[in-house]
Protein backbone atom coordinates (compact mmCIF):
# COMPACT_ATOMS: atom_id res chain seq x y z
CA MET A 1 66.86 83.86 96.06
CA THR A 2 69.08 86.04 93.39
CA THR A 3 72.09 87.67 95.05
CA HIS A 4 72.24 91.84 94.50
CA PRO A 5 75.13 92.52 91.90
CA LEU A 6 76.99 94.66 94.47
CA LEU A 7 77.16 91.97 97.12
CA GLN A 8 78.29 89.34 94.84
CA SER A 9 81.22 91.40 93.58
CA ILE A 10 81.96 91.94 97.00
CA ILE A 11 81.90 88.99 98.92
CA PRO A 12 85.28 87.23 96.98
CA LEU A 13 86.83 90.32 97.89
CA ILE A 14 85.84 90.59 101.75
CA ALA A 15 87.25 86.66 101.62
CA ASP A 16 90.37 88.04 99.78
CA ILE A 17 90.84 90.48 103.13
CA ALA A 18 91.26 87.29 105.56
CA ARG A 19 94.19 85.82 103.25
CA GLU A 20 97.73 86.56 102.78
CA LEU A 21 98.12 87.94 99.35
CA PRO A 22 100.66 90.18 97.81
CA SER A 23 99.39 93.88 97.74
CA ALA A 24 99.66 93.67 93.82
CA GLU A 25 97.34 90.66 93.54
CA ARG A 26 94.94 92.39 95.96
CA TYR A 27 94.63 95.27 94.02
CA ARG A 28 94.18 93.36 90.58
CA ARG A 29 91.27 91.35 91.77
CA LEU A 30 89.57 94.81 93.01
CA LEU A 31 89.86 96.30 89.65
CA GLU A 32 88.58 92.96 87.93
CA ALA A 33 85.45 92.72 90.27
CA LEU A 34 85.17 96.36 89.91
CA ARG A 35 84.92 96.01 85.96
CA VAL A 36 82.62 93.33 86.23
CA LEU A 37 80.03 95.08 88.42
CA LEU A 38 80.65 98.45 86.29
CA PRO A 39 81.35 97.32 82.64
CA CYS A 40 83.74 99.95 81.31
CA ASP A 41 86.89 100.24 79.12
CA ALA A 42 89.74 100.67 82.15
CA ALA A 43 90.18 101.15 85.34
CA ALA A 44 92.80 101.86 87.55
CA LEU A 45 94.13 102.16 91.04
CA LEU A 46 96.82 105.12 92.17
CA ARG A 47 98.39 105.82 95.38
CA LEU A 48 99.25 109.53 96.19
CA GLU A 49 102.56 109.98 97.07
CA GLU A 50 104.08 113.66 98.01
CA GLY A 51 102.03 115.25 95.24
CA TRP A 52 102.18 112.45 92.55
CA LEU A 53 99.98 109.54 91.91
CA VAL A 54 101.65 106.46 91.29
CA PRO A 55 99.68 103.51 89.49
CA LEU A 56 99.47 100.46 91.44
CA ALA A 57 97.19 98.48 89.21
CA VAL A 58 95.33 99.26 85.76
CA ASP A 59 92.99 97.20 84.03
CA GLY A 60 92.59 97.97 80.32
CA LEU A 61 95.04 100.55 80.23
CA SER A 62 98.39 100.24 78.20
CA SER A 63 101.24 98.18 79.79
CA ASP A 64 103.82 101.62 79.97
CA THR A 65 101.05 103.18 82.35
CA LEU A 66 102.67 101.26 85.61
CA GLY A 67 105.72 103.16 84.73
CA ARG A 68 104.27 106.66 84.94
CA ARG A 69 103.94 108.88 87.66
CA PHE A 70 101.54 111.86 87.34
CA ARG A 71 101.61 115.14 88.89
CA VAL A 72 98.45 116.24 90.80
CA GLU A 73 98.99 119.77 90.15
CA GLU A 74 99.36 119.18 85.97
CA HIS A 75 96.27 116.77 86.08
CA PRO A 76 93.03 118.78 86.86
CA ARG A 77 91.07 115.86 86.68
CA PHE A 78 92.88 114.23 89.23
CA ALA A 79 93.12 117.18 91.62
CA ALA A 80 89.30 117.30 91.69
CA LEU A 81 88.54 113.49 92.45
CA LEU A 82 90.93 114.34 95.17
CA GLU A 83 89.26 117.16 96.71
CA ALA A 84 85.80 115.92 96.48
CA GLU A 85 83.62 114.93 99.00
CA GLY A 86 82.35 111.66 97.12
CA PRO A 87 82.20 109.98 93.66
CA LEU A 88 82.14 112.47 90.96
CA ARG A 89 81.49 112.11 87.35
CA PHE A 90 82.87 114.26 84.56
CA PRO A 91 80.56 115.51 81.78
CA ALA A 92 81.41 113.90 78.24
CA ASP A 93 82.12 117.67 76.93
CA SER A 94 84.42 118.50 79.91
CA PRO A 95 87.35 120.75 78.75
CA LEU A 96 89.29 119.33 81.41
CA PRO A 97 92.10 116.88 79.64
CA ASP A 98 92.04 113.27 80.68
CA PRO A 99 95.64 111.83 81.74
CA TYR A 100 94.49 108.39 79.92
CA ASP A 101 93.98 109.97 76.76
CA GLY A 102 95.41 107.64 73.87
CA LEU A 103 96.31 105.00 76.64
CA VAL A 104 93.26 102.97 76.62
CA GLU A 105 94.40 99.28 75.37
CA GLY A 106 92.60 97.32 72.48
CA HIS A 107 91.48 100.22 70.45
CA ARG A 108 92.55 101.34 67.11
CA GLY A 109 93.64 104.87 66.80
CA HIS A 110 94.78 107.16 69.66
CA LEU A 111 91.14 107.71 71.19
CA PRO A 112 90.28 110.10 73.61
CA VAL A 113 88.33 109.21 76.83
CA HIS A 114 84.93 110.55 76.86
CA ASP A 115 83.69 109.41 79.97
CA CYS A 116 85.13 109.50 83.11
CA VAL A 117 84.33 108.82 86.75
CA GLY A 118 86.35 108.14 90.02
CA CYS A 119 86.55 108.61 93.67
CA ALA A 120 89.36 109.24 96.17
CA VAL A 121 90.21 106.30 98.41
CA ARG A 122 90.63 107.70 102.19
CA LEU A 123 92.47 106.50 104.85
CA ASP A 124 91.93 108.20 108.44
CA ASP A 125 89.95 110.77 106.43
CA ARG A 126 92.79 111.63 104.45
CA PRO A 127 93.13 111.12 100.61
CA TRP A 128 95.38 108.08 100.13
CA GLY A 129 94.90 107.61 96.28
CA LEU A 130 92.37 107.33 93.48
CA LEU A 131 89.67 104.64 92.16
CA THR A 132 88.99 105.83 88.43
CA LEU A 133 86.75 104.19 85.73
CA ASP A 134 86.82 105.53 82.04
CA ASP A 135 85.19 104.48 78.95
CA LEU A 136 85.55 105.67 75.32
CA ALA A 137 82.07 106.24 74.94
CA PRO A 138 80.38 109.25 75.95
CA ASP A 139 77.46 108.02 77.80
CA ARG A 140 78.69 104.82 79.79
CA PHE A 141 77.89 106.33 83.26
CA SER A 142 75.06 108.17 82.41
CA SER A 143 72.78 105.76 84.65
CA LEU A 144 75.70 104.94 87.19
CA ASP A 145 74.64 104.61 90.97
CA LEU A 146 77.68 106.64 92.33
CA ALA A 147 76.75 104.84 95.69
CA VAL A 148 78.00 101.83 93.97
CA LEU A 149 81.26 103.24 93.17
CA GLN A 150 81.47 104.87 96.63
CA SER A 151 81.22 101.09 98.25
CA PHE A 152 83.99 100.17 96.34
CA GLY A 153 85.98 103.14 97.17
CA SER A 154 85.63 102.12 100.93
CA LEU A 155 86.03 98.58 100.00
CA ALA A 156 89.33 99.94 98.45
CA ALA A 157 90.63 101.67 101.46
CA ALA A 158 90.15 98.52 103.52
CA THR A 159 91.96 96.51 101.16
CA VAL A 160 94.86 99.08 101.28
CA SER A 161 94.40 99.03 104.92
CA VAL A 162 94.56 95.53 105.38
CA ALA A 163 97.74 95.28 102.86
CA ALA A 164 99.75 97.86 104.83
CA ARG A 165 99.11 96.20 108.00
CA ILE A 166 100.39 93.20 106.74
CA GLU A 167 103.62 94.77 105.39
CA GLN A 168 104.18 96.58 108.56
CA LEU A 169 104.00 93.43 110.69
CA HIS A 170 106.22 91.61 108.20
CA SER A 171 108.98 94.35 108.73
CA ARG A 172 108.94 96.95 111.45
CA VAL A 173 112.19 97.70 110.93
CA GLU A 174 112.06 98.54 107.30
CA HIS A 175 109.08 100.64 108.18
CA GLU A 176 111.10 102.95 110.22
CA SER A 177 113.81 102.94 107.98
CA LEU A 178 111.36 104.23 104.94
CA ARG A 179 109.82 106.71 107.32
CA ALA A 180 112.99 108.40 108.02
CA GLU A 181 113.54 108.44 103.91
CA GLY A 182 110.47 109.96 103.65
CA TYR A 183 111.53 112.76 105.81
CA ARG A 184 114.84 113.12 103.80
CA LEU A 185 112.89 113.11 100.70
CA ALA A 186 110.81 115.77 101.82
CA ALA A 187 113.33 118.23 102.01
CA ALA A 188 115.01 117.18 98.73
CA PRO A 189 114.59 116.96 94.99
CA ARG A 190 112.47 113.76 94.15
CA ALA A 191 114.56 111.28 93.37
CA ARG A 192 113.81 108.30 90.62
CA THR A 193 113.65 104.74 91.54
CA LEU A 194 114.10 101.50 90.44
CA ILE A 195 111.10 100.39 87.93
CA GLY A 196 110.79 97.02 86.84
CA ARG A 197 108.60 93.74 87.01
CA SER A 198 110.71 91.39 85.18
CA ALA A 199 112.09 88.16 86.96
CA ALA A 200 115.60 89.64 86.96
CA MET A 201 114.59 93.17 88.54
CA ARG A 202 112.29 90.97 90.88
CA GLN A 203 115.46 89.41 91.99
CA LEU A 204 117.67 92.37 92.46
CA GLN A 205 114.98 94.12 94.30
CA LYS A 206 114.55 91.10 96.60
CA GLU A 207 118.75 91.11 96.90
CA ILE A 208 118.58 94.94 97.88
CA GLY A 209 115.93 94.22 100.58
CA LEU A 210 118.05 91.52 102.23
CA VAL A 211 121.67 93.62 102.35
CA ALA A 212 120.22 97.03 102.79
CA GLY A 213 119.62 97.04 106.54
CA SER A 214 122.91 95.27 107.15
CA GLU A 215 126.15 97.06 107.56
CA LEU A 216 128.01 95.02 104.77
CA PRO A 217 130.06 96.67 101.86
CA VAL A 218 127.97 96.03 98.55
CA LEU A 219 129.68 96.15 95.01
CA ILE A 220 127.39 96.74 92.28
CA GLN A 221 128.63 95.42 89.07
CA GLY A 222 126.49 95.89 85.40
CA GLU A 223 127.03 97.63 82.55
CA THR A 224 126.91 101.28 81.50
CA GLY A 225 123.40 102.99 82.02
CA VAL A 226 121.92 100.26 83.80
CA GLY A 227 121.19 102.15 86.79
CA LYS A 228 123.76 101.29 89.60
CA GLU A 229 123.64 104.80 91.11
CA LEU A 230 119.33 104.09 91.59
CA VAL A 231 120.55 100.65 93.39
CA ALA A 232 122.89 102.55 95.48
CA GLU A 233 120.40 104.99 96.75
CA ALA A 234 118.03 102.07 97.25
CA LEU A 235 120.38 100.69 99.71
CA HIS A 236 120.96 103.72 101.29
CA ALA A 237 117.20 104.51 101.23
CA GLY A 238 116.71 101.21 103.11
CA SER A 239 119.28 101.26 105.32
CA THR A 240 119.53 102.48 109.26
CA ARG A 241 121.59 105.24 107.89
CA ALA A 242 118.89 106.64 105.90
CA ALA A 243 118.30 109.92 107.76
CA ARG A 244 122.09 110.56 107.21
CA PRO A 245 123.61 111.73 104.01
CA MET A 246 124.81 109.22 100.84
CA ILE A 247 128.05 111.00 99.60
CA SER A 248 128.75 110.13 95.86
CA LEU A 249 131.93 110.29 94.22
CA ASN A 250 132.70 109.16 90.55
CA CYS A 251 136.25 107.90 90.70
CA ALA A 252 136.62 108.09 86.82
CA ALA A 253 135.88 111.98 86.62
CA LEU A 254 139.08 112.94 88.73
CA PRO A 255 142.73 113.01 87.75
CA GLU A 256 144.73 110.88 89.71
CA THR A 257 146.35 113.65 91.43
CA LEU A 258 143.06 114.86 93.00
CA VAL A 259 141.35 111.81 94.04
CA GLU A 260 143.17 111.51 97.48
CA SER A 261 142.25 114.95 98.33
CA GLU A 262 138.50 114.46 97.23
CA LEU A 263 138.35 111.13 99.33
CA PHE A 264 140.48 112.12 102.44
CA GLY A 265 140.37 115.83 102.67
CA HIS A 266 143.74 118.11 102.82
CA VAL A 267 145.11 120.92 105.07
CA LYS A 268 146.32 124.10 103.81
CA GLY A 269 149.67 123.95 101.86
CA ALA A 270 149.32 120.25 101.41
CA PHE A 271 149.81 120.97 97.59
CA THR A 272 149.68 123.75 95.12
CA GLY A 273 146.35 125.41 95.48
CA ALA A 274 145.52 124.08 99.02
CA LEU A 275 144.62 127.20 100.48
CA GLY A 276 142.75 125.98 103.50
CA GLU A 277 141.69 123.02 105.19
CA ARG A 278 139.06 120.86 103.23
CA PRO A 279 137.06 117.59 104.65
CA GLY A 280 137.15 114.83 102.21
CA LYS A 281 134.28 112.49 101.20
CA PHE A 282 134.80 110.08 103.86
CA GLU A 283 134.12 112.93 106.72
CA LEU A 284 131.15 114.36 104.77
CA ALA A 285 129.53 110.86 104.75
CA ASP A 286 130.34 110.14 108.26
CA GLY A 287 127.53 108.26 109.85
CA GLY A 288 126.09 107.67 106.24
CA THR A 289 126.99 106.07 103.25
CA LEU A 290 129.83 106.54 100.75
CA PHE A 291 128.99 105.87 97.21
CA LEU A 292 132.18 105.27 94.87
CA ASP A 293 131.35 104.99 91.17
CA GLU A 294 133.58 103.56 88.58
CA VAL A 295 135.97 102.44 91.42
CA GLY A 296 137.87 100.00 89.07
CA GLU A 297 139.21 103.33 87.76
CA LEU A 298 141.46 104.04 91.36
CA ALA A 299 144.86 103.73 90.98
CA LEU A 300 147.01 100.67 92.98
CA PRO A 301 148.29 103.40 95.52
CA VAL A 302 144.92 104.81 96.64
CA GLN A 303 143.56 101.64 96.66
CA ALA A 304 145.98 100.79 99.30
CA LYS A 305 145.60 103.94 101.44
CA LEU A 306 141.41 103.41 100.75
CA LEU A 307 142.06 99.57 102.24
CA ARG A 308 143.58 101.08 105.35
CA VAL A 309 140.50 103.41 106.09
CA LEU A 310 137.82 100.53 105.49
CA GLN A 311 139.92 98.09 107.90
CA SER A 312 140.39 100.73 110.62
CA GLY A 313 138.01 103.51 110.09
CA GLN A 314 140.88 105.87 110.73
CA LEU A 315 142.18 108.50 107.85
CA GLN A 316 144.60 111.46 107.76
CA ARG A 317 143.84 114.60 105.55
CA LEU A 318 146.87 115.03 102.99
CA GLY A 319 149.49 117.12 104.76
CA SER A 320 148.28 116.26 108.15
CA ASP A 321 149.45 113.75 110.88
CA ARG A 322 146.42 114.20 112.77
CA GLU A 323 143.81 111.15 112.35
CA HIS A 324 139.85 111.35 112.03
CA ARG A 325 138.07 108.36 112.79
CA VAL A 326 134.81 107.87 110.68
CA ASP A 327 131.88 105.43 110.65
CA VAL A 328 130.90 105.05 106.91
CA ARG A 329 129.19 102.23 104.85
CA LEU A 330 131.10 101.54 101.69
CA ILE A 331 128.77 101.07 98.49
CA ALA A 332 130.95 100.69 95.12
CA ALA A 333 130.21 100.34 91.53
CA SER A 334 131.99 99.54 88.34
CA ASN A 335 131.04 98.68 84.90
CA ARG A 336 134.32 96.42 84.50
CA ASN A 337 134.35 92.65 86.12
CA LEU A 338 136.68 93.32 88.77
CA ALA A 339 137.78 89.95 89.24
CA ASP A 340 139.25 90.29 85.79
CA GLU A 341 140.76 93.56 86.87
CA VAL A 342 142.45 91.80 89.58
CA ARG A 343 144.00 88.88 87.33
CA ALA A 344 145.42 91.34 85.23
CA GLY A 345 146.93 93.20 88.29
CA ARG A 346 145.03 96.28 87.78
CA LEU A 347 143.28 96.05 91.31
CA ARG A 348 144.41 94.62 94.49
CA ALA A 349 143.05 91.36 95.46
CA ASP A 350 142.62 92.42 99.19
CA PHE A 351 140.79 95.82 97.97
CA TYR A 352 138.60 93.77 95.66
CA HIS A 353 137.69 91.18 98.42
CA ARG A 354 137.04 94.18 100.86
CA LEU A 355 134.42 95.88 98.25
CA SER A 356 132.63 92.62 97.43
CA VAL A 357 131.42 91.32 100.68
CA TYR A 358 127.97 91.43 98.91
CA PRO A 359 128.07 91.68 95.02
CA LEU A 360 125.05 92.75 93.25
CA LEU A 361 124.73 92.35 89.59
CA VAL A 362 122.24 94.56 87.75
CA PRO A 363 120.69 93.05 84.67
CA PRO A 364 121.15 94.88 81.31
CA LEU A 365 117.89 95.95 79.71
CA ARG A 366 117.87 93.58 77.16
CA GLU A 367 117.08 90.87 79.88
CA ARG A 368 114.52 92.48 81.33
CA GLY A 369 111.78 92.11 78.89
CA ARG A 370 108.75 94.28 79.04
CA ASP A 371 110.26 96.35 81.65
CA VAL A 372 111.25 98.54 78.72
CA LEU A 373 107.74 99.50 78.19
CA LEU A 374 107.29 100.54 81.97
CA LEU A 375 110.72 102.55 81.67
CA ALA A 376 109.15 104.04 78.52
CA GLY A 377 106.03 105.28 80.18
CA PHE A 378 108.08 106.91 83.26
CA PHE A 379 110.24 108.74 80.67
CA LEU A 380 107.34 109.89 78.52
CA GLU A 381 105.54 111.15 81.39
CA GLU A 382 108.47 113.13 82.07
CA ASN A 383 108.62 114.35 78.76
CA ARG A 384 104.90 115.13 78.88
CA SER A 385 105.06 117.30 81.80
CA ARG A 386 108.34 119.03 80.83
CA LEU A 387 106.68 120.14 77.40
CA GLY A 388 103.28 120.75 78.69
CA LEU A 389 101.85 118.11 76.38
CA GLY A 390 98.18 116.92 76.96
CA GLY A 391 99.10 113.11 76.19
CA LEU A 392 102.08 111.29 75.16
CA ARG A 393 102.11 107.68 73.68
CA LEU A 394 103.39 104.86 72.10
CA ASP A 395 101.75 103.03 69.37
CA ALA A 396 101.58 99.56 68.85
CA GLU A 397 104.71 99.50 66.12
CA ALA A 398 106.78 101.90 68.50
CA GLN A 399 106.13 99.64 71.33
CA ALA A 400 107.18 96.35 69.21
CA ALA A 401 110.35 98.35 67.81
CA LEU A 402 111.45 99.14 71.50
CA LEU A 403 110.84 95.71 72.43
CA ALA A 404 112.84 94.43 69.51
CA HIS A 405 116.01 96.51 70.33
CA ASP A 406 119.18 95.22 71.78
CA TRP A 407 119.81 98.37 73.94
CA PRO A 408 123.66 98.36 74.11
CA GLY A 409 123.30 101.76 76.36
CA ASN A 410 120.60 100.25 78.51
CA VAL A 411 118.12 102.56 80.34
CA ARG A 412 120.25 105.92 79.58
CA GLU A 413 120.05 104.85 75.98
CA LEU A 414 116.49 104.52 76.31
CA GLU A 415 115.62 107.83 78.26
CA HIS A 416 117.91 109.85 75.55
CA LEU A 417 116.08 108.12 72.77
CA LEU A 418 112.87 108.71 74.12
CA GLY A 419 113.72 112.68 74.57
CA ARG A 420 114.89 112.85 71.03
CA SER A 421 112.03 111.07 69.48
CA VAL A 422 109.52 113.36 71.45
CA LEU A 423 110.74 116.36 69.79
CA LYS A 424 111.38 114.85 66.41
CA ALA A 425 107.60 113.73 66.59
CA LEU A 426 106.35 117.38 67.57
CA GLY A 427 108.29 118.82 64.72
CA ARG A 428 106.14 116.80 62.35
CA HIS A 429 102.77 118.51 63.70
CA PRO A 430 102.55 122.28 62.18
CA GLN A 431 99.97 122.89 65.49
CA ARG A 432 100.72 121.43 68.77
CA PRO A 433 98.32 117.99 69.11
CA ARG A 434 96.58 117.26 72.53
CA ILE A 435 97.74 113.60 72.22
CA LEU A 436 101.12 113.26 70.69
CA SER A 437 101.76 109.70 69.63
CA LEU A 438 105.18 108.18 68.58
CA GLY A 439 105.36 105.68 65.70
CA ALA A 440 108.73 103.20 64.81
CA GLU A 441 109.54 106.24 62.61
CA ASP A 442 110.11 108.91 65.34
CA LEU A 443 112.58 106.41 67.16
CA ASP A 444 116.00 106.66 66.49
CA LEU A 445 116.66 102.96 66.07
CA PRO A 446 118.34 101.35 63.81
CA GLY A 447 116.41 99.91 60.85
CA GLY A 448 113.42 101.56 62.40
CA ARG A 449 110.06 99.71 60.96
CA SER A 450 112.31 96.82 59.61
CA ALA A 451 114.13 96.12 62.53
CA ALA A 452 111.05 95.67 64.38
CA ARG A 453 109.59 93.47 61.85
CA ALA A 454 112.56 91.21 61.49
CA ALA A 455 112.61 90.84 65.27
CA ALA A 456 108.87 90.33 65.84
CA ALA A 457 108.58 87.78 63.06
CA PRO A 458 111.22 85.30 62.63
CA ALA A 459 109.41 82.58 61.99
CA LEU A 460 107.72 84.09 59.04
CA VAL A 461 110.87 85.31 56.81
CA ALA A 462 111.64 82.96 54.48
CA ALA A 463 114.65 80.76 55.16
CA ALA A 464 115.89 80.22 51.44
CA ASP A 465 114.59 82.80 49.08
CA ALA A 466 114.24 86.44 50.03
CA PRO A 467 110.46 87.09 49.74
CA SER A 468 109.16 90.00 47.37
CA ALA A 469 107.26 93.19 48.83
CA ALA A 470 104.27 91.49 47.95
CA GLU A 471 105.03 88.41 50.21
CA ARG A 472 106.55 90.03 53.37
CA PRO A 473 104.00 90.54 56.14
CA SER A 474 102.97 93.71 57.26
CA LEU A 475 104.34 94.96 60.51
CA ARG A 476 100.90 94.68 62.33
CA ASP A 477 100.47 91.05 61.10
CA ALA A 478 104.25 90.31 62.15
CA VAL A 479 103.29 91.82 65.84
CA ALA A 480 100.08 89.47 65.85
CA HIS A 481 102.27 86.51 64.96
CA LEU A 482 104.54 87.22 68.10
CA GLU A 483 102.03 88.07 70.12
CA ARG A 484 100.10 84.78 69.37
CA LYS A 485 103.44 82.82 69.55
CA LEU A 486 104.12 84.42 73.04
CA VAL A 487 100.39 84.10 74.37
CA THR A 488 100.27 80.15 73.74
CA GLU A 489 103.68 79.55 74.76
CA ALA A 490 102.93 81.06 78.22
CA LEU A 491 99.71 79.09 78.29
CA ALA A 492 101.41 76.05 77.77
CA ARG A 493 104.24 76.84 80.34
CA HIS A 494 101.82 77.02 83.13
CA GLY A 495 99.78 74.38 82.28
CA PHE A 496 97.06 76.61 80.69
CA ASN A 497 96.62 78.72 83.97
CA ARG A 498 95.72 82.13 83.11
CA SER A 499 96.58 83.74 86.14
CA ALA A 500 100.08 82.07 85.81
CA ALA A 501 100.58 82.92 82.22
CA ALA A 502 98.97 86.51 82.70
CA ARG A 503 102.01 87.23 85.29
CA ASP A 504 104.68 85.46 83.36
CA LEU A 505 103.29 87.91 80.30
CA GLY A 506 103.45 91.09 82.36
CA LEU A 507 99.48 91.40 81.87
CA ASP A 508 96.45 91.14 84.13
CA ARG A 509 94.24 88.52 83.54
CA ALA A 510 91.34 90.07 81.99
CA ASN A 511 93.88 92.14 79.36
CA LEU A 512 95.19 88.26 78.60
CA ALA A 513 91.63 87.20 77.95
CA ARG A 514 90.72 90.03 75.64
CA LEU A 515 94.41 89.55 73.87
CA ALA A 516 93.46 85.93 73.31
CA ARG A 517 90.18 86.45 72.13
CA ARG A 518 91.72 89.15 69.64
CA LEU A 519 94.48 86.71 68.60
CA GLY A 520 92.32 83.78 68.13
CA VAL A 521 93.86 81.67 70.97
CA ALA A 522 91.68 79.12 72.97
CA LEU A 523 91.23 79.69 76.63
CA ALA A 524 88.10 77.68 76.99
CA ASP A 525 89.87 74.97 78.62
CA ALA A 526 92.36 77.09 80.45
CA PRO A 527 91.81 77.11 84.52
CA ARG A 528 91.11 80.56 85.64
């Protein structure tokens, strides 16, 4: 007796529902099963968040897609899918732009998607997100039974519901805190969040989760541009103070004569120009969080007064004898090594120990591997939306160049570089293109293509004599060589376990299999 293909695909997923799996793994398995049943070039699961669609899992789309955020009102196909009562297939000649144009992996050139079908994932009769299938062939879904896709949409809703319930049971307190943060965000401009799947970022996010709900002071250290303020915002959002304000002060941006007034406030006549009473940052942050950026820039006398407030919770405005009591959780940040500052006599030891009850180190971008592509996707989507482009992507050479760069300016450097590069690329086109692709030549990176080639294939560069132009490998060959080396090493490192190797490389298992076939890496003996 032959099992129906739909049932054959669904049975393992139903079994997964009863297992304790990470949410990302549940979603990956869902898309993998969907593409086995309904062959196509790409599939994606996206969650709806306050008018934005956030990719949770993709299969067949470029790595940077997971870093993108799609505003629904800017993508009419997504809006139509969310409003439809059931699955919806768009005609191959539909004039509506496809958000995934140029993002399908494994195809040369920047081809637009020609066939698209999807359905809303609903929880409690409300749209939770989308399940989408895309193909570069115009008639891939012409004979598709939409009821099959609807079945998968229902299964996706069940999977999402189970994942949400497990997370809720694991941390009820965290759930309540995040709900309060949701209320705050609903009334405030949308803030950026930490993006990254590297081991270094997973460890940082784990530590943020551990300390956020406590009242401990936190000292965030890291190089300029790594995102220390985002870490502070994540700590506040995960705390019991999330419904109260987080007040920030950049200690390096104020002259020494004004720092005390900014921190503690002042009364009328306290100094020249003090025409009335003014509360300081501590009073404004009462009940919430005070974030002191570049705290190592504070002068020693200010450190002493600040230490007293941190120890007793009491402060005096400049020019006043009356004390105010405040309840503030302190988060500090610095791009300096504050232990070295203590040894150099520029920072009080007691002040340092009061700040660094729980230290957090934010990794530089050069230590975050393929996170650079996720962040690039996020910034590209911001630029695409701001400039009104239909699609914005990186070609293979540009991705290789980003991965090869050292990023001394970290995430901030990446953000500014991509903003400039998009404008430069636009300037090369006499007419505004529908899909704009950035190449290595558009990036403001030292050495351009040659730097990417040198970083991508050091093993191919002769150690003795400089090769002639005819002997040098092309960038495509160099990138393929590096990819082959990374895939082979990952497989060997994990005992040829495909799933583990794929996670190590930041890929879906199906994408790893396709990449290995293209590169000629044997997977026949590798465990699935």
